[in-house]
Amino acid sequence: IIEDNDKQDFEYSGQIWNDYNNNKIDDLKTYVNTSNIHFNGNMEWIDFTLKLKKSSLENPLQQPKDRYSLLLKNKIIDLNFGDFYPQFDKLVLNGNRVRGVGLDFHLKFFQLHLISGELNTAIQGDPSQNLNITLSEEYDENLATDINLLTISRDNYTFENEITGIRLGIGNRDRFNWGLNFVKVKDNINSINKYTEGSIINLDALTE
């Protein structure tokens, strides 16, 4: 009698590593420190992959350098949370980073791919550079004379780019497949504040 090996209900593996680069040219020193965590788990009905990346280049004045993602996957469904790179086709969406949620439902002759999230994160900008002042001269018909017009506007900011997409596919993905793609990208103007605390206005336009 030979007994079958008992299959484990939960198998897992992972790794942690850190990269550090230090450069020095004359008196200029730069360094980049990146920490990574990868954790994989296999269960009877679903597998998951967790990835975390922390970079010393993370800066609130720039687009995120940190990455985090959770992938839940089985034979027919891929479910992404966090940062992922969906692919519809080469012309519509081809590996652009999206931070949000993605669902990829795939059977042998039918596929449904849904995504919702953001392409760019809202950046408010440096308080010393996010307000711009301009002085112009315009003719006032009521007064019949030229008047000075002072304009203060926001500058050096990035709207949050919201993205939603859907792809319907019919046929074998490895052979003949007919797909219908819809992707919408929209700037969220409410993600940028009209005024930011501690802003500094450059008065060169007035002093000149």
N, C-alpha and C. Protein backbone atom coordinates (compact mmCIF):
# COMPACT_ATOMS: atom_id res chain seq x y z
N ILE A 1 0.85 -1.19 0.00
CA ILE A 1 0.00 0.00 0.00
C ILE A 1 0.88 1.24 0.00
N ILE A 2 0.65 2.14 -0.98
CA ILE A 2 1.40 3.39 -1.06
C ILE A 2 0.42 4.55 -0.88
N GLU A 3 0.62 5.29 0.18
CA GLU A 3 -0.28 6.41 0.45
C GLU A 3 0.14 7.63 -0.35
N ASP A 4 -0.86 8.37 -0.89
CA ASP A 4 -0.58 9.61 -1.59
C ASP A 4 -0.14 10.67 -0.60
N ASN A 5 0.79 11.52 -1.05
CA ASN A 5 1.22 12.63 -0.19
C ASN A 5 0.06 13.60 0.04
N ASP A 6 -0.09 14.00 1.27
CA ASP A 6 -1.16 14.95 1.59
C ASP A 6 -0.81 16.31 0.99
N LYS A 7 -1.77 16.86 0.27
CA LYS A 7 -1.56 18.17 -0.34
C LYS A 7 -1.77 19.24 0.73
N GLN A 8 -0.83 20.19 0.84
CA GLN A 8 -0.96 21.26 1.79
C GLN A 8 -2.05 22.24 1.35
N ASP A 9 -2.83 22.72 2.32
CA ASP A 9 -3.89 23.67 2.02
C ASP A 9 -3.32 25.04 1.68
N PHE A 10 -2.11 25.34 2.18
CA PHE A 10 -1.55 26.67 1.97
C PHE A 10 -0.04 26.57 1.82
N GLU A 11 0.47 27.02 0.69
CA GLU A 11 1.90 27.06 0.44
C GLU A 11 2.30 28.50 0.18
N TYR A 12 3.46 28.87 0.67
CA TYR A 12 3.87 30.27 0.52
C TYR A 12 5.39 30.36 0.38
N SER A 13 5.80 31.47 -0.17
CA SER A 13 7.23 31.77 -0.31
C SER A 13 7.36 33.29 -0.43
N GLY A 14 8.54 33.79 -0.15
CA GLY A 14 8.74 35.24 -0.22
C GLY A 14 10.21 35.60 -0.21
N GLN A 15 10.45 36.85 -0.48
CA GLN A 15 11.81 37.36 -0.45
C GLN A 15 11.81 38.85 -0.13
N ILE A 16 12.88 39.27 0.52
CA ILE A 16 13.08 40.67 0.87
C ILE A 16 14.49 41.05 0.44
N TRP A 17 14.63 42.19 -0.24
CA TRP A 17 15.97 42.64 -0.61
C TRP A 17 16.00 44.16 -0.68
N ASN A 18 17.20 44.68 -0.67
CA ASN A 18 17.42 46.12 -0.68
C ASN A 18 18.54 46.47 -1.66
N ASP A 19 18.32 47.52 -2.44
CA ASP A 19 19.33 48.02 -3.39
C ASP A 19 19.75 49.42 -2.96
N TYR A 20 21.05 49.64 -2.96
CA TYR A 20 21.58 50.96 -2.59
C TYR A 20 22.64 51.36 -3.60
N ASN A 21 22.44 52.52 -4.24
CA ASN A 21 23.40 53.05 -5.20
C ASN A 21 23.87 54.42 -4.73
N ASN A 22 25.18 54.62 -4.73
CA ASN A 22 25.76 55.88 -4.28
C ASN A 22 26.72 56.38 -5.36
N ASN A 23 26.49 57.61 -5.82
CA ASN A 23 27.33 58.20 -6.87
C ASN A 23 27.94 59.51 -6.35
N LYS A 24 29.19 59.74 -6.72
CA LYS A 24 29.87 60.97 -6.33
C LYS A 24 30.67 61.50 -7.52
N ILE A 25 30.31 62.71 -7.95
CA ILE A 25 31.04 63.39 -9.03
C ILE A 25 31.48 64.74 -8.49
N ASP A 26 32.78 64.90 -8.32
CA ASP A 26 33.35 66.09 -7.67
C ASP A 26 32.72 66.24 -6.28
N ASP A 27 32.04 67.36 -6.04
CA ASP A 27 31.42 67.57 -4.74
C ASP A 27 29.94 67.21 -4.71
N LEU A 28 29.43 66.68 -5.83
CA LEU A 28 28.02 66.32 -5.91
C LEU A 28 27.83 64.85 -5.57
N LYS A 29 27.01 64.59 -4.56
CA LYS A 29 26.73 63.23 -4.13
C LYS A 29 25.25 62.93 -4.32
N THR A 30 24.96 61.79 -4.87
CA THR A 30 23.58 61.33 -5.02
C THR A 30 23.50 59.86 -4.61
N TYR A 31 22.35 59.49 -4.07
CA TYR A 31 22.17 58.09 -3.70
C TYR A 31 20.70 57.72 -3.89
N VAL A 32 20.46 56.44 -4.14
CA VAL A 32 19.12 55.89 -4.28
C VAL A 32 19.05 54.63 -3.45
N ASN A 33 18.05 54.54 -2.59
CA ASN A 33 17.85 53.38 -1.74
C ASN A 33 16.46 52.81 -2.01
N THR A 34 16.38 51.53 -2.37
CA THR A 34 15.12 50.90 -2.70
C THR A 34 14.98 49.59 -1.93
N SER A 35 13.85 49.44 -1.25
CA SER A 35 13.55 48.22 -0.50
C SER A 35 12.37 47.51 -1.15
N ASN A 36 12.44 46.19 -1.25
CA ASN A 36 11.40 45.40 -1.92
C ASN A 36 10.98 44.22 -1.05
N ILE A 37 9.69 43.93 -1.09
CA ILE A 37 9.12 42.76 -0.44
C ILE A 37 8.21 42.06 -1.44
N HIS A 38 8.46 40.78 -1.69
CA HIS A 38 7.59 39.95 -2.53
C HIS A 38 7.12 38.76 -1.70
N PHE A 39 5.82 38.50 -1.72
CA PHE A 39 5.25 37.38 -0.97
C PHE A 39 4.22 36.68 -1.84
N ASN A 40 4.40 35.38 -2.03
CA ASN A 40 3.50 34.58 -2.86
C ASN A 40 2.82 33.50 -2.01
N GLY A 41 1.56 33.27 -2.31
CA GLY A 41 0.83 32.22 -1.60
C GLY A 41 -0.05 31.44 -2.56
N ASN A 42 -0.13 30.13 -2.34
CA ASN A 42 -0.96 29.25 -3.17
C ASN A 42 -1.95 28.51 -2.28
N MET A 43 -3.22 28.65 -2.62
CA MET A 43 -4.27 27.91 -1.93
C MET A 43 -5.02 27.05 -2.93
N GLU A 44 -5.93 26.26 -2.45
CA GLU A 44 -6.60 25.30 -3.32
C GLU A 44 -7.43 26.00 -4.39
N TRP A 45 -8.02 27.14 -4.06
CA TRP A 45 -8.94 27.78 -5.00
C TRP A 45 -8.43 29.11 -5.55
N ILE A 46 -7.36 29.64 -4.97
CA ILE A 46 -6.85 30.92 -5.47
C ILE A 46 -5.39 31.09 -5.06
N ASP A 47 -4.62 31.82 -5.87
CA ASP A 47 -3.24 32.19 -5.57
C ASP A 47 -3.16 33.70 -5.40
N PHE A 48 -2.18 34.16 -4.65
CA PHE A 48 -2.03 35.60 -4.48
C PHE A 48 -0.55 35.97 -4.50
N THR A 49 -0.30 37.21 -4.93
CA THR A 49 1.05 37.77 -4.97
C THR A 49 1.01 39.17 -4.41
N LEU A 50 1.82 39.43 -3.41
CA LEU A 50 1.91 40.75 -2.78
C LEU A 50 3.28 41.34 -3.06
N LYS A 51 3.31 42.57 -3.60
CA LYS A 51 4.57 43.25 -3.90
C LYS A 51 4.56 44.64 -3.29
N LEU A 52 5.64 44.97 -2.59
CA LEU A 52 5.81 46.29 -2.00
C LEU A 52 7.18 46.83 -2.39
N LYS A 53 7.23 48.10 -2.77
CA LYS A 53 8.49 48.74 -3.13
C LYS A 53 8.53 50.13 -2.50
N LYS A 54 9.57 50.39 -1.73
CA LYS A 54 9.76 51.69 -1.09
C LYS A 54 11.05 52.31 -1.60
N SER A 55 10.94 53.53 -2.19
CA SER A 55 12.09 54.19 -2.79
C SER A 55 12.39 55.48 -2.05
N SER A 56 13.68 55.79 -1.92
CA SER A 56 14.09 57.06 -1.30
C SER A 56 13.79 58.24 -2.22
N LEU A 57 13.42 57.98 -3.48
CA LEU A 57 13.10 59.04 -4.43
C LEU A 57 11.66 59.53 -4.29
N GLU A 58 10.88 58.91 -3.42
CA GLU A 58 9.49 59.35 -3.22
C GLU A 58 9.46 60.80 -2.79
N ASN A 59 8.67 61.61 -3.51
CA ASN A 59 8.63 63.05 -3.29
C ASN A 59 7.21 63.55 -3.54
N PRO A 60 6.61 64.29 -2.60
CA PRO A 60 5.24 64.78 -2.81
C PRO A 60 5.11 65.75 -3.97
N LEU A 61 6.24 66.26 -4.50
CA LEU A 61 6.21 67.19 -5.62
C LEU A 61 6.34 66.48 -6.96
N GLN A 62 6.44 65.14 -6.93
CA GLN A 62 6.58 64.36 -8.16
C GLN A 62 5.62 63.18 -8.12
N GLN A 63 5.48 62.52 -9.28
CA GLN A 63 4.65 61.33 -9.34
C GLN A 63 5.26 60.22 -8.47
N PRO A 64 4.42 59.35 -7.90
CA PRO A 64 4.92 58.35 -6.94
C PRO A 64 5.99 57.43 -7.53
N LYS A 65 7.00 57.19 -6.73
CA LYS A 65 8.02 56.21 -7.08
C LYS A 65 7.79 54.89 -6.32
N ASP A 66 7.09 54.96 -5.20
CA ASP A 66 6.76 53.74 -4.45
C ASP A 66 5.73 52.93 -5.23
N ARG A 67 5.75 51.62 -5.01
CA ARG A 67 4.79 50.73 -5.66
C ARG A 67 4.26 49.72 -4.64
N TYR A 68 2.97 49.43 -4.79
CA TYR A 68 2.38 48.37 -3.99
C TYR A 68 1.29 47.70 -4.82
N SER A 69 1.19 46.39 -4.73
CA SER A 69 0.20 45.68 -5.53
C SER A 69 -0.15 44.36 -4.86
N LEU A 70 -1.40 43.95 -5.07
CA LEU A 70 -1.90 42.66 -4.61
C LEU A 70 -2.65 42.02 -5.76
N LEU A 71 -2.24 40.83 -6.15
CA LEU A 71 -2.86 40.09 -7.24
C LEU A 71 -3.49 38.81 -6.69
N LEU A 72 -4.80 38.66 -6.91
CA LEU A 72 -5.52 37.43 -6.59
C LEU A 72 -5.85 36.75 -7.91
N LYS A 73 -5.52 35.47 -8.02
CA LYS A 73 -5.59 34.83 -9.33
C LYS A 73 -6.00 33.37 -9.20
N ASN A 74 -6.90 32.95 -10.11
CA ASN A 74 -7.17 31.53 -10.29
C ASN A 74 -7.30 31.25 -11.79
N LYS A 75 -7.96 30.18 -12.18
CA LYS A 75 -7.99 29.80 -13.58
C LYS A 75 -8.79 30.75 -14.45
N ILE A 76 -9.75 31.46 -13.89
CA ILE A 76 -10.63 32.28 -14.72
C ILE A 76 -10.63 33.76 -14.33
N ILE A 77 -10.06 34.14 -13.20
CA ILE A 77 -10.13 35.52 -12.73
C ILE A 77 -8.76 35.99 -12.27
N ASP A 78 -8.37 37.20 -12.70
CA ASP A 78 -7.23 37.92 -12.16
C ASP A 78 -7.77 39.21 -11.56
N LEU A 79 -7.53 39.43 -10.28
CA LEU A 79 -8.03 40.62 -9.59
C LEU A 79 -6.84 41.40 -9.03
N ASN A 80 -6.65 42.63 -9.52
CA ASN A 80 -5.51 43.46 -9.13
C ASN A 80 -5.96 44.61 -8.23
N PHE A 81 -5.16 44.88 -7.20
CA PHE A 81 -5.34 46.04 -6.34
C PHE A 81 -4.01 46.79 -6.26
N GLY A 82 -4.08 48.12 -6.30
CA GLY A 82 -2.85 48.91 -6.20
C GLY A 82 -2.29 49.25 -7.56
N ASP A 83 -0.98 49.09 -7.73
CA ASP A 83 -0.31 49.41 -9.00
C ASP A 83 -0.27 48.17 -9.90
N PHE A 84 -0.79 48.32 -11.10
CA PHE A 84 -0.73 47.22 -12.07
C PHE A 84 -0.64 47.81 -13.47
N TYR A 85 -0.41 46.96 -14.46
CA TYR A 85 -0.10 47.41 -15.82
C TYR A 85 -1.01 46.68 -16.82
N PRO A 86 -2.25 47.16 -17.00
CA PRO A 86 -3.19 46.47 -17.89
C PRO A 86 -2.80 46.62 -19.35
N GLN A 87 -3.17 45.63 -20.14
CA GLN A 87 -2.92 45.64 -21.58
C GLN A 87 -4.20 45.31 -22.32
N PHE A 88 -4.74 46.30 -23.06
CA PHE A 88 -5.88 46.07 -23.93
C PHE A 88 -5.39 45.75 -25.34
N ASP A 89 -4.72 46.72 -25.94
CA ASP A 89 -4.03 46.50 -27.22
C ASP A 89 -2.99 47.59 -27.37
N LYS A 90 -2.25 47.58 -28.48
CA LYS A 90 -1.13 48.50 -28.66
C LYS A 90 -1.59 49.94 -28.88
N LEU A 91 -2.83 50.14 -29.33
CA LEU A 91 -3.30 51.48 -29.65
C LEU A 91 -4.08 52.13 -28.52
N VAL A 92 -4.71 51.35 -27.64
CA VAL A 92 -5.59 51.90 -26.62
C VAL A 92 -4.89 51.95 -25.26
N LEU A 93 -4.49 50.83 -24.75
CA LEU A 93 -3.87 50.75 -23.43
C LEU A 93 -2.88 49.59 -23.47
N ASN A 94 -1.60 49.91 -23.34
CA ASN A 94 -0.57 48.90 -23.54
C ASN A 94 0.49 49.00 -22.46
N GLY A 95 0.16 48.56 -21.25
CA GLY A 95 1.15 48.50 -20.19
C GLY A 95 1.35 49.77 -19.42
N ASN A 96 0.43 50.75 -19.51
CA ASN A 96 0.54 51.96 -18.69
C ASN A 96 0.24 51.63 -17.23
N ARG A 97 0.99 52.29 -16.33
CA ARG A 97 0.75 52.03 -14.91
C ARG A 97 -0.57 52.64 -14.47
N VAL A 98 -1.37 51.85 -13.79
CA VAL A 98 -2.63 52.31 -13.23
C VAL A 98 -2.62 51.99 -11.74
N ARG A 99 -3.05 52.94 -10.93
CA ARG A 99 -3.20 52.70 -9.49
C ARG A 99 -4.69 52.66 -9.18
N GLY A 100 -5.18 51.48 -8.86
CA GLY A 100 -6.61 51.33 -8.62
C GLY A 100 -6.98 49.86 -8.52
N VAL A 101 -8.03 49.48 -9.26
CA VAL A 101 -8.55 48.12 -9.22
C VAL A 101 -8.72 47.62 -10.65
N GLY A 102 -8.37 46.36 -10.87
CA GLY A 102 -8.53 45.76 -12.19
C GLY A 102 -9.08 44.35 -12.08
N LEU A 103 -10.05 44.03 -12.94
CA LEU A 103 -10.65 42.69 -12.98
C LEU A 103 -10.48 42.14 -14.38
N ASP A 104 -9.89 40.95 -14.48
CA ASP A 104 -9.71 40.27 -15.75
C ASP A 104 -10.38 38.90 -15.65
N PHE A 105 -11.54 38.79 -16.28
CA PHE A 105 -12.30 37.53 -16.28
C PHE A 105 -12.11 36.88 -17.64
N HIS A 106 -11.59 35.66 -17.66
CA HIS A 106 -11.25 35.05 -18.94
C HIS A 106 -11.64 33.57 -18.97
N LEU A 107 -12.47 33.26 -19.96
CA LEU A 107 -12.79 31.89 -20.30
C LEU A 107 -12.09 31.55 -21.62
N LYS A 108 -12.31 30.37 -22.14
CA LYS A 108 -11.60 29.96 -23.34
C LYS A 108 -11.98 30.82 -24.54
N PHE A 109 -13.27 31.17 -24.66
CA PHE A 109 -13.72 31.93 -25.83
C PHE A 109 -14.42 33.24 -25.45
N PHE A 110 -14.23 33.71 -24.22
CA PHE A 110 -14.83 34.97 -23.80
C PHE A 110 -13.95 35.61 -22.72
N GLN A 111 -13.74 36.95 -22.87
CA GLN A 111 -12.93 37.67 -21.89
C GLN A 111 -13.61 39.01 -21.55
N LEU A 112 -13.51 39.39 -20.30
CA LEU A 112 -14.01 40.68 -19.82
C LEU A 112 -12.94 41.30 -18.93
N HIS A 113 -12.49 42.51 -19.31
CA HIS A 113 -11.43 43.19 -18.58
C HIS A 113 -11.95 44.55 -18.14
N LEU A 114 -11.94 44.82 -16.84
CA LEU A 114 -12.40 46.09 -16.29
C LEU A 114 -11.29 46.72 -15.47
N ILE A 115 -11.13 48.04 -15.60
CA ILE A 115 -10.15 48.76 -14.78
C ILE A 115 -10.77 50.07 -14.31
N SER A 116 -10.35 50.50 -13.13
CA SER A 116 -10.77 51.79 -12.58
C SER A 116 -9.68 52.27 -11.65
N GLY A 117 -9.23 53.52 -11.86
CA GLY A 117 -8.17 54.04 -11.01
C GLY A 117 -7.65 55.36 -11.53
N GLU A 118 -6.36 55.58 -11.37
CA GLU A 118 -5.74 56.83 -11.79
C GLU A 118 -4.43 56.54 -12.52
N LEU A 119 -4.16 57.36 -13.56
CA LEU A 119 -2.89 57.29 -14.27
C LEU A 119 -1.86 58.19 -13.60
N ASN A 120 -2.27 59.39 -13.20
CA ASN A 120 -1.40 60.34 -12.51
C ASN A 120 -2.03 60.74 -11.19
N THR A 121 -1.17 60.90 -10.18
CA THR A 121 -1.62 61.37 -8.88
C THR A 121 -1.61 62.90 -8.86
N ALA A 122 -2.54 63.48 -8.11
CA ALA A 122 -2.59 64.95 -8.01
C ALA A 122 -1.35 65.48 -7.30
N ILE A 123 -0.69 66.47 -7.91
CA ILE A 123 0.48 67.13 -7.34
C ILE A 123 0.14 68.60 -7.13
N GLN A 124 0.17 69.05 -5.86
CA GLN A 124 -0.19 70.43 -5.55
C GLN A 124 0.92 71.41 -5.94
N GLY A 125 2.16 70.96 -5.96
CA GLY A 125 3.26 71.82 -6.36
C GLY A 125 3.99 72.45 -5.19
N ASP A 126 5.16 72.98 -5.46
CA ASP A 126 6.00 73.64 -4.47
C ASP A 126 5.34 74.96 -4.04
N PRO A 127 5.13 75.19 -2.73
CA PRO A 127 4.50 76.45 -2.28
C PRO A 127 5.22 77.70 -2.76
N SER A 128 6.52 77.59 -3.04
CA SER A 128 7.26 78.76 -3.51
C SER A 128 7.08 79.01 -5.00
N GLN A 129 6.41 78.07 -5.70
CA GLN A 129 6.27 78.21 -7.15
C GLN A 129 4.85 77.91 -7.66
N ASN A 130 3.90 77.65 -6.75
CA ASN A 130 2.59 77.22 -7.23
C ASN A 130 1.59 78.35 -7.42
N LEU A 131 2.00 79.62 -7.20
CA LEU A 131 1.16 80.76 -7.53
C LEU A 131 1.92 81.67 -8.47
N ASN A 132 1.25 82.12 -9.50
CA ASN A 132 1.88 82.95 -10.51
C ASN A 132 1.10 84.26 -10.64
N ILE A 133 1.82 85.38 -10.69
CA ILE A 133 1.18 86.69 -10.80
C ILE A 133 1.60 87.34 -12.11
N THR A 134 0.63 87.89 -12.84
CA THR A 134 0.90 88.57 -14.10
C THR A 134 0.21 89.93 -14.10
N LEU A 135 0.85 90.89 -14.73
CA LEU A 135 0.31 92.24 -14.84
C LEU A 135 0.19 92.60 -16.31
N SER A 136 -1.04 92.95 -16.73
CA SER A 136 -1.27 93.27 -18.14
C SER A 136 -2.07 94.57 -18.23
N GLU A 137 -2.07 95.13 -19.42
CA GLU A 137 -2.79 96.38 -19.67
C GLU A 137 -3.89 96.14 -20.69
N GLU A 138 -5.11 96.51 -20.33
CA GLU A 138 -6.25 96.31 -21.21
C GLU A 138 -7.06 97.61 -21.32
N TYR A 139 -7.76 97.71 -22.43
CA TYR A 139 -8.56 98.92 -22.68
C TYR A 139 -9.97 98.72 -22.14
N ASP A 140 -10.41 99.65 -21.29
CA ASP A 140 -11.75 99.62 -20.72
C ASP A 140 -12.64 100.57 -21.52
N GLU A 141 -13.66 100.02 -22.21
CA GLU A 141 -14.53 100.85 -23.04
C GLU A 141 -15.38 101.80 -22.22
N ASN A 142 -15.78 101.36 -21.03
CA ASN A 142 -16.62 102.23 -20.19
C ASN A 142 -15.85 103.45 -19.71
N LEU A 143 -14.58 103.24 -19.35
CA LEU A 143 -13.76 104.35 -18.87
C LEU A 143 -13.02 105.04 -20.00
N ALA A 144 -13.02 104.39 -21.17
CA ALA A 144 -12.32 104.94 -22.34
C ALA A 144 -10.85 105.20 -22.05
N THR A 145 -10.25 104.25 -21.35
CA THR A 145 -8.84 104.38 -21.02
C THR A 145 -8.25 103.00 -20.76
N ASP A 146 -6.92 102.94 -20.73
CA ASP A 146 -6.24 101.67 -20.42
C ASP A 146 -6.21 101.47 -18.91
N ILE A 147 -6.41 100.22 -18.48
CA ILE A 147 -6.34 99.87 -17.05
C ILE A 147 -5.36 98.72 -16.87
N ASN A 148 -4.77 98.67 -15.69
CA ASN A 148 -3.86 97.58 -15.35
C ASN A 148 -4.67 96.42 -14.76
N LEU A 149 -4.40 95.23 -15.26
CA LEU A 149 -5.11 94.03 -14.81
C LEU A 149 -4.12 93.10 -14.12
N LEU A 150 -4.40 92.79 -12.86
CA LEU A 150 -3.54 91.92 -12.06
C LEU A 150 -4.19 90.55 -11.95
N THR A 151 -3.47 89.52 -12.36
CA THR A 151 -4.02 88.16 -12.36
C THR A 151 -3.13 87.24 -11.53
N ILE A 152 -3.74 86.52 -10.60
CA ILE A 152 -3.03 85.51 -9.80
C ILE A 152 -3.61 84.15 -10.16
N SER A 153 -2.76 83.22 -10.56
CA SER A 153 -3.22 81.90 -10.99
C SER A 153 -2.34 80.80 -10.40
N ARG A 154 -2.90 79.59 -10.36
CA ARG A 154 -2.13 78.42 -9.89
C ARG A 154 -1.16 77.98 -10.98
N ASP A 155 -0.02 77.42 -10.55
CA ASP A 155 1.00 77.01 -11.50
C ASP A 155 1.74 75.80 -10.94
N ASN A 156 2.42 75.07 -11.83
CA ASN A 156 3.25 73.92 -11.46
C ASN A 156 2.48 72.88 -10.66
N TYR A 157 1.35 72.47 -11.18
CA TYR A 157 0.53 71.44 -10.55
C TYR A 157 0.20 70.36 -11.57
N THR A 158 -0.32 69.24 -11.08
CA THR A 158 -0.75 68.15 -11.95
C THR A 158 -2.10 67.65 -11.47
N PHE A 159 -3.09 67.65 -12.36
CA PHE A 159 -4.39 67.10 -12.01
C PHE A 159 -4.29 65.58 -11.86
N GLU A 160 -5.14 65.04 -11.03
CA GLU A 160 -5.31 63.59 -10.98
C GLU A 160 -6.00 63.13 -12.26
N ASN A 161 -5.38 62.17 -12.95
CA ASN A 161 -5.97 61.62 -14.17
C ASN A 161 -6.75 60.35 -13.82
N GLU A 162 -8.06 60.45 -13.85
CA GLU A 162 -8.90 59.29 -13.57
C GLU A 162 -9.09 58.48 -14.84
N ILE A 163 -9.00 57.16 -14.72
CA ILE A 163 -9.16 56.29 -15.88
C ILE A 163 -10.15 55.18 -15.57
N THR A 164 -11.02 54.93 -16.51
CA THR A 164 -11.93 53.78 -16.47
C THR A 164 -11.86 53.11 -17.83
N GLY A 165 -11.93 51.80 -17.83
CA GLY A 165 -11.82 51.08 -19.09
C GLY A 165 -12.51 49.74 -19.04
N ILE A 166 -12.93 49.28 -20.21
CA ILE A 166 -13.55 47.97 -20.33
C ILE A 166 -13.13 47.37 -21.68
N ARG A 167 -12.84 46.09 -21.65
CA ARG A 167 -12.54 45.36 -22.88
C ARG A 167 -13.35 44.08 -22.92
N LEU A 168 -14.08 43.88 -24.03
CA LEU A 168 -14.80 42.65 -24.28
C LEU A 168 -14.09 41.89 -25.38
N GLY A 169 -13.78 40.64 -25.12
CA GLY A 169 -13.09 39.82 -26.10
C GLY A 169 -13.85 38.54 -26.37
N ILE A 170 -13.91 38.15 -27.64
CA ILE A 170 -14.57 36.92 -28.05
C ILE A 170 -13.60 36.13 -28.92
N GLY A 171 -13.43 34.87 -28.58
CA GLY A 171 -12.53 34.01 -29.32
C GLY A 171 -11.31 33.64 -28.50
N ASN A 172 -10.51 32.76 -29.05
CA ASN A 172 -9.30 32.31 -28.38
C ASN A 172 -8.25 33.41 -28.39
N ARG A 173 -7.75 33.80 -27.21
CA ARG A 173 -6.79 34.91 -27.14
C ARG A 173 -5.47 34.58 -27.82
N ASP A 174 -5.13 33.31 -27.93
CA ASP A 174 -3.86 32.94 -28.55
C ASP A 174 -3.98 32.75 -30.06
N ARG A 175 -5.19 32.76 -30.61
CA ARG A 175 -5.38 32.55 -32.05
C ARG A 175 -6.15 33.72 -32.64
N PHE A 176 -7.45 33.54 -32.81
CA PHE A 176 -8.28 34.61 -33.38
C PHE A 176 -9.14 35.19 -32.25
N ASN A 177 -9.03 36.50 -32.06
CA ASN A 177 -9.78 37.14 -30.98
C ASN A 177 -10.32 38.47 -31.47
N TRP A 178 -11.61 38.69 -31.27
CA TRP A 178 -12.26 39.95 -31.61
C TRP A 178 -12.49 40.72 -30.33
N GLY A 179 -11.98 41.96 -30.27
CA GLY A 179 -12.08 42.73 -29.04
C GLY A 179 -12.71 44.09 -29.25
N LEU A 180 -13.45 44.55 -28.27
CA LEU A 180 -14.06 45.88 -28.27
C LEU A 180 -13.57 46.61 -27.03
N ASN A 181 -12.88 47.75 -27.22
CA ASN A 181 -12.25 48.48 -26.13
C ASN A 181 -12.88 49.84 -25.91
N PHE A 182 -13.10 50.19 -24.64
CA PHE A 182 -13.54 51.53 -24.25
C PHE A 182 -12.64 52.00 -23.12
N VAL A 183 -12.00 53.16 -23.30
CA VAL A 183 -11.14 53.73 -22.27
C VAL A 183 -11.45 55.21 -22.15
N LYS A 184 -11.63 55.68 -20.92
CA LYS A 184 -11.91 57.10 -20.67
C LYS A 184 -10.91 57.61 -19.65
N VAL A 185 -10.24 58.71 -19.99
CA VAL A 185 -9.30 59.37 -19.09
C VAL A 185 -9.76 60.81 -18.89
N LYS A 186 -9.87 61.23 -17.64
CA LYS A 186 -10.42 62.56 -17.33
C LYS A 186 -9.62 63.20 -16.22
N ASP A 187 -9.34 64.51 -16.38
CA ASP A 187 -8.69 65.27 -15.32
C ASP A 187 -9.71 65.60 -14.24
N ASN A 188 -9.35 65.30 -13.00
CA ASN A 188 -10.20 65.66 -11.86
C ASN A 188 -9.76 67.03 -11.36
N ILE A 189 -10.48 68.08 -11.79
CA ILE A 189 -10.06 69.45 -11.45
C ILE A 189 -10.23 69.74 -9.96
N ASN A 190 -11.08 68.97 -9.29
CA ASN A 190 -11.28 69.18 -7.85
C ASN A 190 -10.13 68.62 -7.02
N SER A 191 -9.20 67.90 -7.67
CA SER A 191 -8.07 67.34 -6.93
C SER A 191 -7.00 68.38 -6.63
N ILE A 192 -7.09 69.57 -7.25
CA ILE A 192 -6.12 70.65 -7.03
C ILE A 192 -6.79 71.78 -6.25
N ASN A 193 -6.14 72.20 -5.17
CA ASN A 193 -6.66 73.31 -4.36
C ASN A 193 -6.43 74.64 -5.07
N LYS A 194 -7.40 75.53 -4.96
CA LYS A 194 -7.23 76.86 -5.54
C LYS A 194 -6.12 77.62 -4.82
N TYR A 195 -6.03 77.43 -3.50
CA TYR A 195 -5.01 78.09 -2.71
C TYR A 195 -4.34 77.05 -1.82
N THR A 196 -3.05 77.22 -1.60
CA THR A 196 -2.31 76.32 -0.73
C THR A 196 -1.66 77.13 0.40
N GLU A 197 -1.68 76.56 1.57
CA GLU A 197 -1.14 77.25 2.74
C GLU A 197 0.36 77.46 2.60
N GLY A 198 0.81 78.67 2.95
CA GLY A 198 2.24 78.97 2.89
C GLY A 198 2.76 79.31 1.52
N SER A 199 1.86 79.58 0.57
CA SER A 199 2.31 79.92 -0.78
C SER A 199 3.06 81.25 -0.81
N ILE A 200 4.06 81.32 -1.66
CA ILE A 200 4.86 82.53 -1.84
C ILE A 200 4.63 83.07 -3.24
N ILE A 201 4.30 84.35 -3.35
CA ILE A 201 4.04 84.98 -4.64
C ILE A 201 5.25 85.79 -5.06
N ASN A 202 5.73 85.53 -6.25
CA ASN A 202 6.83 86.28 -6.82
C ASN A 202 6.31 87.62 -7.36
N LEU A 203 6.85 88.72 -6.86
CA LEU A 203 6.36 90.04 -7.21
C LEU A 203 7.15 90.71 -8.35
N ASP A 204 7.92 89.92 -9.09
CA ASP A 204 8.70 90.50 -10.18
C ASP A 204 7.83 91.23 -11.19
N ALA A 205 6.62 90.71 -11.43
CA ALA A 205 5.75 91.34 -12.41
C ALA A 205 5.34 92.73 -11.98
N LEU A 206 5.30 93.00 -10.67
CA LEU A 206 4.94 94.32 -10.18
C LEU A 206 6.15 95.24 -10.08
N THR A 207 7.24 94.68 -9.56
CA THR A 207 8.41 95.54 -9.34
C THR A 207 9.04 95.96 -10.66
N GLU A 208 8.88 95.16 -11.71
CA GLU A 208 9.42 95.56 -13.00
C GLU A 208 8.67 96.75 -13.58
